C-alpha atoms as a PDB file:
ATOM      1  CA  MET A   1       0.000   0.000   0.000  1.00  0.00           C
ATOM      2  CA  THR A   2       1.419   3.302  -0.978  1.00  0.00           C
ATOM      3  CA  LEU A   3      -0.078   6.457   0.385  1.00  0.00           C
ATOM      4  CA  HIS A   4       1.521   9.602   1.700  1.00  0.00           C
ATOM      5  CA  ARG A   5       0.386  12.364   4.011  1.00  0.00           C
ATOM      6  CA  GLU A   6       1.628  15.581   2.479  1.00  0.00           C
ATOM      7  CA  HIS A   7       1.638  19.066   3.969  1.00  0.00           C
ATOM      8  CA  ARG A   8      -1.495  19.852   5.978  1.00  0.00           C
ATOM      9  CA  ARG A   9      -1.879  16.064   6.393  1.00  0.00           C
ATOM     10  CA  VAL A  10      -3.514  15.658   2.977  1.00  0.00           C
ATOM     11  CA  ILE A  11      -3.539  12.039   1.799  1.00  0.00           C
ATOM     12  CA  THR A  12      -1.892  11.320  -1.542  1.00  0.00           C
ATOM     13  CA  PHE A  13      -2.148   7.883  -3.128  1.00  0.00           C
ATOM     14  CA  GLU A  14       0.532   6.414  -5.363  1.00  0.00           C
ATOM     15  CA  CYS A  15      -0.250   3.789  -7.990  1.00  0.00           C
ATOM     16  CA  ASP A  16       1.520   0.596  -6.957  1.00  0.00           C
ATOM     17  CA  SER A  17       2.080  -0.271 -10.606  1.00  0.00           C
ATOM     18  CA  CYS A  18       3.293   2.886 -12.393  1.00  0.00           C
ATOM     19  CA  GLY A  19       3.942   5.397  -9.584  1.00  0.00           C
ATOM     20  CA  LEU A  20       1.369   7.989 -10.707  1.00  0.00           C
ATOM     21  CA  THR A  21       0.073   9.998  -7.744  1.00  0.00           C
ATOM     22  CA  LEU A  22      -3.376  11.270  -6.827  1.00  0.00           C
ATOM     23  CA  GLU A  23      -3.680  13.996  -4.188  1.00  0.00           C
ATOM     24  CA  SER A  24      -7.047  13.473  -2.542  1.00  0.00           C
ATOM     25  CA  GLY A  25      -7.328  16.907  -0.932  1.00  0.00           C
ATOM     26  CA  GLU A  26      -8.590  15.098   2.172  1.00  0.00           C
ATOM     27  CA  GLY A  27      -7.031  14.405   5.553  1.00  0.00           C
ATOM     28  CA  ASP A  28      -9.448  11.676   6.577  1.00  0.00           C
ATOM     29  CA  PHE A  29      -8.697   8.247   5.056  1.00  0.00           C
ATOM     30  CA  ILE A  30     -12.346   7.321   4.338  1.00  0.00           C
ATOM     31  CA  ASP A  31     -12.930  10.632   2.554  1.00  0.00           C
ATOM     32  CA  ALA A  32      -9.659  10.198   0.631  1.00  0.00           C
ATOM     33  CA  LEU A  33     -10.719   6.692  -0.420  1.00  0.00           C
ATOM     34  CA  ARG A  34     -14.001   8.099  -1.748  1.00  0.00           C
ATOM     35  CA  VAL A  35     -12.034  10.556  -3.886  1.00  0.00           C
ATOM     36  CA  LEU A  36      -9.785   7.741  -5.122  1.00  0.00           C
ATOM     37  CA  LYS A  37     -12.768   5.680  -6.242  1.00  0.00           C
ATOM     38  CA  SER A  38     -14.594   8.664  -7.755  1.00  0.00           C
ATOM     39  CA  ARG A  39     -11.546   9.283  -9.983  1.00  0.00           C
ATOM     40  CA  GLY A  40     -11.651   5.704 -11.290  1.00  0.00           C
ATOM     41  CA  TRP A  41      -8.758   4.407  -9.211  1.00  0.00           C
ATOM     42  CA  GLU A  42      -9.046   1.042  -7.447  1.00  0.00           C
ATOM     43  CA  ALA A  43      -7.890  -0.353  -4.121  1.00  0.00           C
ATOM     44  CA  ARG A  44      -7.323  -4.114  -4.127  1.00  0.00           C
ATOM     45  CA  LYS A  45      -6.082  -6.451  -1.457  1.00  0.00           C
ATOM     46  CA  LEU A  46      -3.372  -8.694  -2.890  1.00  0.00           C
ATOM     47  CA  ASP A  47      -2.309 -11.355  -0.403  1.00  0.00           C
ATOM     48  CA  GLU A  48      -2.150  -9.435   2.885  1.00  0.00           C
ATOM     49  CA  GLU A  49      -1.476  -5.957   1.500  1.00  0.00           C
ATOM     50  CA  TRP A  50      -3.718  -3.269   0.018  1.00  0.00           C
ATOM     51  CA  ASN A  51      -2.606  -1.889  -3.343  1.00  0.00           C
ATOM     52  CA  HIS A  52      -3.816   1.167  -5.218  1.00  0.00           C
ATOM     53  CA  PHE A  53      -4.052   1.349  -9.005  1.00  0.00           C
ATOM     54  CA  CYS A  54      -4.666   4.318 -11.293  1.00  0.00           C
ATOM     55  CA  VAL A  55      -7.328   4.029 -14.002  1.00  0.00           C
ATOM     56  CA  ASP A  56      -4.912   2.777 -16.673  1.00  0.00           C
ATOM     57  CA  CYS A  57      -3.147   0.241 -14.472  1.00  0.00           C
ATOM     58  CA  ALA A  58      -6.412  -1.055 -13.003  1.00  0.00           C
ATOM     59  CA  HIS A  59      -7.631  -1.641 -16.549  1.00  0.00           C
ATOM     60  CA  ARG A  60      -4.393  -3.446 -17.484  1.00  0.00           C
ATOM     61  CA  GLN A  61      -4.660  -5.640 -14.365  1.00  0.00           C
ATOM     62  CA  VAL A  62      -8.134  -6.785 -15.383  1.00  0.00           C
ATOM     63  CA  TRP A  63      -7.312  -7.371 -19.041  1.00  0.00           C
ATOM     64  CA  GLY A  64      -3.741  -8.577 -18.556  1.00  0.00           C
ATOM     65  CA  ARG A  65      -2.114  -5.904 -20.687  1.00  0.00           C
END
């Protein structure tokens, strides 16, 4: 799982596949997760760890590209 708390404690997600970042503008994790999903990103649990994928990488994961 890759997420960062930037200045003002804003949560920024990083795609675990390509490294693209998404600044949520939120300090609360649940609110930040809502932003992530509303932008087409996905959070998936792989084995015991949560991973975050941008729109393009989530699509490639599903279709194997």
